[in-house]
Amino acid sequence: MRLKNRVAIITGGAKGLGRAFALKMAEEGAKVLVVTRKDTDNLQKTVRQVQTMGGQADLFQADVTSPEDMQAMAEAAVKAFGRIDILVNNAAVYEGIKRKPFHEITPQEWDLVLTVNVKGAFLATRAVFPYMRGQGYGKILNLASEVFFTGSHGFAHYVASKGGIIGLTRALAVELGPHNICINCLAPGFTDTEASRGLADVSKYDTSKTPLRRLEKPEDLTGTAVFLASAESDFMTGQTLLVDGGRAMH
């Protein structure tokens, strides 16, 4: 098991990609703390699924935009499992976003998306840093998106936030490296999740521009996530891995 005895915090862990990451990391031996702001029913479901498969998991309810909540989250992980080795910054505003021309996006909506998607990752990283620094080891995985490379009509705030995540990752790689903490990005394409189904009819997604000719599933991302969270990527930091079936290439 590639993550045996490691402890992972996964924000946005109630469903979708977050749940898939939690299940796969637990399968690889990690103890996981799954976090969400309000969807406690699904959060409990994620924990039960991990426990059913023989893994160790706990849950924590927190708002990633709150410094106090993020500090409490880190403390809860250490209290439950003794350390923090992995942080997956998966929480983001995505579900419920309505596509609209950039000039129709209100300043309030812009601020919400950027605050959750970028500031949230910053605050979560800031909260776990003292623990990772103290043990001289850590892996942080940020979620970017294919849209950073391709653009996306009507999603200016979301695209900007994912560009911000990539910039934040590169900046923090420089600062965290001396402490033996690696931070990288995973950039999915359009993926069949509950949130995506709320945005569009996923059965009508045009896969003709995707060389692998199918819609991405959460499980398509978990192998890369484990790689970035494991010792296999110990000399890799500040990078963005695009996992989208070849739709965008760079």
Protein backbone atom coordinates (compact mmCIF):
# COMPACT_ATOMS: atom_id res chain seq x y z
CA MET A 1 0.00 0.00 0.00
CA ARG A 2 1.51 3.27 -1.17
CA LEU A 3 0.06 5.46 1.59
CA LYS A 4 0.33 3.10 4.55
CA ASN A 5 0.25 4.95 7.90
CA ARG A 6 -0.12 8.33 6.17
CA VAL A 7 -2.81 10.80 7.26
CA ALA A 8 -4.75 12.71 4.61
CA ILE A 9 -7.13 15.65 4.89
CA ILE A 10 -9.52 15.96 1.96
CA THR A 11 -11.65 19.10 1.68
CA GLY A 12 -14.87 18.86 -0.27
CA GLY A 13 -14.91 15.20 0.67
CA ALA A 14 -18.66 14.65 0.85
CA LYS A 15 -19.13 13.40 -2.71
CA GLY A 16 -17.79 13.54 -6.25
CA LEU A 17 -14.04 13.81 -6.63
CA GLY A 18 -13.52 14.29 -2.90
CA ARG A 19 -15.21 11.01 -2.08
CA ALA A 20 -13.28 9.21 -4.82
CA PHE A 21 -10.00 10.55 -3.43
CA ALA A 22 -10.93 9.53 0.11
CA LEU A 23 -11.83 5.98 -0.91
CA LYS A 24 -8.73 5.47 -3.02
CA MET A 25 -6.34 6.91 -0.46
CA ALA A 26 -7.91 4.78 2.26
CA GLU A 27 -7.55 1.75 0.00
CA GLU A 28 -3.85 2.61 -0.26
CA GLY A 29 -3.54 2.66 3.54
CA ALA A 30 -4.11 6.31 4.48
CA LYS A 31 -6.19 7.44 7.43
CA VAL A 32 -8.48 10.15 6.10
CA LEU A 33 -10.23 13.17 7.54
CA VAL A 34 -12.98 14.21 5.13
CA VAL A 35 -14.19 17.78 5.34
CA THR A 36 -17.13 19.76 4.02
CA ARG A 37 -19.03 22.87 4.99
CA LYS A 38 -22.66 21.73 5.07
CA ASP A 39 -23.38 18.41 3.33
CA THR A 40 -23.03 16.30 6.46
CA ASP A 41 -25.26 13.48 5.21
CA ASN A 42 -22.95 12.75 2.30
CA LEU A 43 -19.91 13.38 4.48
CA GLN A 44 -21.09 10.63 6.82
CA LYS A 45 -21.71 8.40 3.80
CA THR A 46 -18.10 8.87 2.66
CA VAL A 47 -16.81 7.94 6.11
CA ARG A 48 -19.05 4.85 6.25
CA GLN A 49 -17.81 3.72 2.85
CA VAL A 50 -14.19 4.04 3.97
CA GLN A 51 -14.92 2.14 7.16
CA THR A 52 -16.85 -0.57 5.32
CA MET A 53 -13.81 -1.28 3.20
CA GLY A 54 -11.70 -1.60 6.36
CA GLY A 55 -10.14 1.85 6.35
CA GLN A 56 -9.93 4.54 9.00
CA ALA A 57 -11.81 7.80 8.52
CA ASP A 58 -13.27 10.67 10.49
CA LEU A 59 -15.24 13.73 9.43
CA PHE A 60 -15.04 17.42 10.14
CA GLN A 61 -17.44 20.20 9.24
CA ALA A 62 -15.66 23.40 8.23
CA ASP A 63 -15.75 26.40 5.93
CA VAL A 64 -12.51 26.62 3.94
CA THR A 65 -12.82 30.42 3.81
CA SER A 66 -12.57 30.65 7.61
CA PRO A 67 -9.05 30.78 9.08
CA GLU A 68 -10.46 29.61 12.41
CA ASP A 69 -12.21 26.62 10.81
CA MET A 70 -9.07 25.62 8.93
CA GLN A 71 -6.99 25.79 12.10
CA ALA A 72 -9.59 23.67 13.89
CA MET A 73 -9.56 21.20 10.98
CA ALA A 74 -5.80 20.70 11.26
CA GLU A 75 -6.04 20.27 15.00
CA ALA A 76 -8.83 17.71 14.56
CA ALA A 77 -6.73 15.65 12.16
CA VAL A 78 -3.80 15.58 14.58
CA LYS A 79 -6.09 14.75 17.49
CA ALA A 80 -7.69 11.89 15.57
CA PHE A 81 -4.65 10.43 13.82
CA GLY A 82 -1.52 11.98 15.33
CA ARG A 83 -0.09 13.79 12.28
CA ILE A 84 -0.87 15.32 8.85
CA ASP A 85 0.97 14.00 5.80
CA ILE A 86 -1.35 14.86 2.91
CA LEU A 87 -3.70 17.73 2.14
CA VAL A 88 -6.04 17.57 -0.84
CA ASN A 89 -7.49 21.01 -1.56
CA ASN A 90 -10.56 19.80 -3.42
CA ALA A 91 -13.30 22.10 -2.05
CA ALA A 92 -14.51 24.60 -4.64
CA VAL A 93 -17.50 26.52 -5.89
CA TYR A 94 -18.55 24.67 -9.02
CA GLU A 95 -21.96 23.13 -8.50
CA GLY A 96 -24.71 25.62 -9.22
CA ILE A 97 -22.63 28.07 -11.25
CA LYS A 98 -24.64 29.45 -14.14
CA ARG A 99 -22.78 30.16 -17.35
CA LYS A 100 -23.03 33.82 -18.30
CA PRO A 101 -21.00 36.43 -20.18
CA PHE A 102 -18.24 37.89 -18.04
CA HIS A 103 -19.92 41.30 -17.93
CA GLU A 104 -23.01 39.74 -16.33
CA ILE A 105 -21.05 38.15 -13.48
CA THR A 106 -21.70 40.21 -10.37
CA PRO A 107 -18.79 41.33 -8.21
CA GLN A 108 -20.35 39.32 -5.37
CA GLU A 109 -20.37 36.11 -7.43
CA TRP A 110 -16.81 36.76 -8.60
CA ASP A 111 -15.66 37.24 -5.01
CA LEU A 112 -17.41 34.05 -3.86
CA VAL A 113 -15.76 31.86 -6.48
CA LEU A 114 -12.28 33.32 -6.00
CA THR A 115 -12.58 33.28 -2.22
CA VAL A 116 -13.59 29.64 -1.95
CA ASN A 117 -11.47 28.29 -4.78
CA VAL A 118 -8.22 30.15 -4.15
CA LYS A 119 -8.32 31.63 -0.66
CA GLY A 120 -9.71 28.35 0.66
CA ALA A 121 -6.69 26.42 -0.62
CA PHE A 122 -4.38 29.08 0.79
CA LEU A 123 -5.97 28.94 4.24
CA ALA A 124 -6.03 25.13 4.38
CA THR A 125 -2.36 24.98 3.36
CA ARG A 126 -1.51 27.64 5.91
CA ALA A 127 -3.23 25.60 8.64
CA VAL A 128 -1.43 22.32 7.96
CA PHE A 129 1.97 23.86 7.30
CA PRO A 130 3.23 23.95 10.92
CA TYR A 131 2.55 20.23 11.31
CA MET A 132 4.20 19.27 8.02
CA ARG A 133 7.16 21.53 8.75
CA GLY A 134 7.57 19.98 12.19
CA GLN A 135 7.79 16.47 10.81
CA GLY A 136 9.89 17.50 7.80
CA TYR A 137 7.51 16.00 5.26
CA GLY A 138 4.24 16.72 3.48
CA LYS A 139 2.30 16.38 0.25
CA ILE A 140 -0.25 18.97 -0.86
CA LEU A 141 -2.48 18.40 -3.86
CA ASN A 142 -4.44 21.29 -5.35
CA LEU A 143 -7.26 20.84 -7.85
CA ALA A 144 -6.94 22.95 -10.96
CA SER A 145 -8.89 22.28 -14.17
CA GLU A 146 -8.56 21.73 -17.89
CA VAL A 147 -10.37 25.05 -18.35
CA PHE A 148 -7.20 26.89 -17.36
CA PHE A 149 -5.61 25.61 -20.58
CA THR A 150 -8.62 25.92 -22.87
CA GLY A 151 -10.79 28.70 -21.48
CA SER A 152 -14.51 28.14 -21.08
CA HIS A 153 -17.33 30.38 -22.29
CA GLY A 154 -19.36 31.91 -19.48
CA PHE A 155 -17.02 30.69 -16.74
CA ALA A 156 -14.59 33.61 -16.41
CA HIS A 157 -14.59 33.56 -12.60
CA TYR A 158 -14.09 29.79 -12.39
CA VAL A 159 -11.32 29.78 -15.01
CA ALA A 160 -9.59 32.66 -13.24
CA SER A 161 -9.78 30.81 -9.93
CA LYS A 162 -8.13 27.72 -11.41
CA GLY A 163 -5.39 29.88 -12.90
CA GLY A 164 -4.96 31.33 -9.43
CA ILE A 165 -4.58 27.83 -8.01
CA ILE A 166 -1.79 27.03 -10.46
CA GLY A 167 -0.03 30.30 -9.62
CA LEU A 168 -0.43 29.68 -5.89
CA THR A 169 0.96 26.16 -6.29
CA ARG A 170 4.08 27.43 -8.05
CA ALA A 171 4.68 30.17 -5.50
CA LEU A 172 4.24 27.84 -2.55
CA ALA A 173 6.46 25.17 -4.11
CA VAL A 174 9.36 27.61 -3.75
CA GLU A 175 8.55 28.36 -0.11
CA LEU A 176 7.64 24.83 0.98
CA GLY A 177 10.46 22.99 -0.75
CA PRO A 178 13.12 23.68 1.90
CA HIS A 179 10.84 21.94 4.42
CA ASN A 180 10.54 18.81 2.25
CA ILE A 181 6.91 19.60 1.45
CA CYS A 182 5.81 18.98 -2.14
CA ILE A 183 2.83 20.80 -3.62
CA ASN A 184 1.39 20.00 -7.04
CA CYS A 185 -1.79 20.43 -9.08
CA LEU A 186 -4.12 17.89 -10.60
CA ALA A 187 -6.18 19.31 -13.47
CA PRO A 188 -9.23 17.24 -14.46
CA GLY A 189 -11.32 17.63 -17.55
CA PHE A 190 -15.12 17.69 -17.45
CA THR A 191 -15.94 14.81 -15.13
CA ASP A 192 -19.16 12.91 -14.47
CA THR A 193 -19.93 14.00 -10.90
CA GLU A 194 -23.04 15.17 -9.09
CA ALA A 195 -21.88 18.76 -9.52
CA SER A 196 -21.33 18.34 -13.27
CA ARG A 197 -24.76 16.78 -13.68
CA GLY A 198 -26.19 19.90 -12.08
CA LEU A 199 -24.54 22.02 -14.76
CA ALA A 200 -25.28 20.01 -17.88
CA ASP A 201 -26.65 16.78 -19.31
CA VAL A 202 -23.47 14.74 -19.12
CA SER A 203 -24.87 12.14 -21.52
CA LYS A 204 -24.72 14.79 -24.26
CA TYR A 205 -21.13 15.83 -23.61
CA ASP A 206 -19.20 15.92 -26.89
CA THR A 207 -16.34 13.44 -26.57
CA SER A 208 -15.27 13.76 -30.21
CA LYS A 209 -12.45 16.15 -29.19
CA THR A 210 -11.23 13.75 -26.52
CA PRO A 211 -8.76 11.21 -27.98
CA LEU A 212 -9.93 8.53 -25.54
CA ARG A 213 -13.50 9.11 -26.75
CA ARG A 214 -15.34 8.93 -23.44
CA LEU A 215 -16.44 11.07 -20.53
CA GLU A 216 -14.09 11.27 -17.57
CA LYS A 217 -15.05 9.54 -14.32
CA PRO A 218 -13.81 10.38 -10.81
CA GLU A 219 -11.90 7.09 -10.74
CA ASP A 220 -9.82 8.29 -13.70
CA LEU A 221 -8.16 10.80 -11.39
CA THR A 222 -7.49 8.77 -8.28
CA GLY A 223 -4.35 7.03 -9.52
CA THR A 224 -2.67 10.35 -10.27
CA ALA A 225 -3.81 11.71 -6.91
CA VAL A 226 -2.23 8.77 -5.08
CA PHE A 227 0.97 9.21 -7.08
CA LEU A 228 1.18 12.88 -6.08
CA ALA A 229 0.42 12.00 -2.44
CA SER A 230 2.93 9.17 -2.23
CA ALA A 231 6.71 8.83 -1.97
CA GLU A 232 6.76 8.09 -5.71
CA SER A 233 6.60 11.84 -6.38
CA ASP A 234 9.08 12.96 -3.72
CA PHE A 235 11.18 14.96 -6.22
CA MET A 236 8.24 16.62 -7.94
CA THR A 237 6.82 19.97 -6.88
CA GLY A 238 5.19 23.02 -8.44
CA GLN A 239 3.82 20.97 -11.33
CA THR A 240 0.38 20.62 -12.91
CA LEU A 241 -0.70 17.24 -14.25
CA LEU A 242 -3.54 17.44 -16.77
CA VAL A 243 -5.73 14.31 -16.68
CA ASP A 244 -8.47 14.82 -19.25
CA GLY A 245 -8.22 12.00 -21.78
CA GLY A 246 -5.98 14.11 -24.03
CA ARG A 247 -8.54 16.82 -24.75
CA ALA A 248 -5.98 19.53 -24.04
CA MET A 249 -2.27 18.93 -24.43
CA HIS A 250 0.65 20.96 -23.10
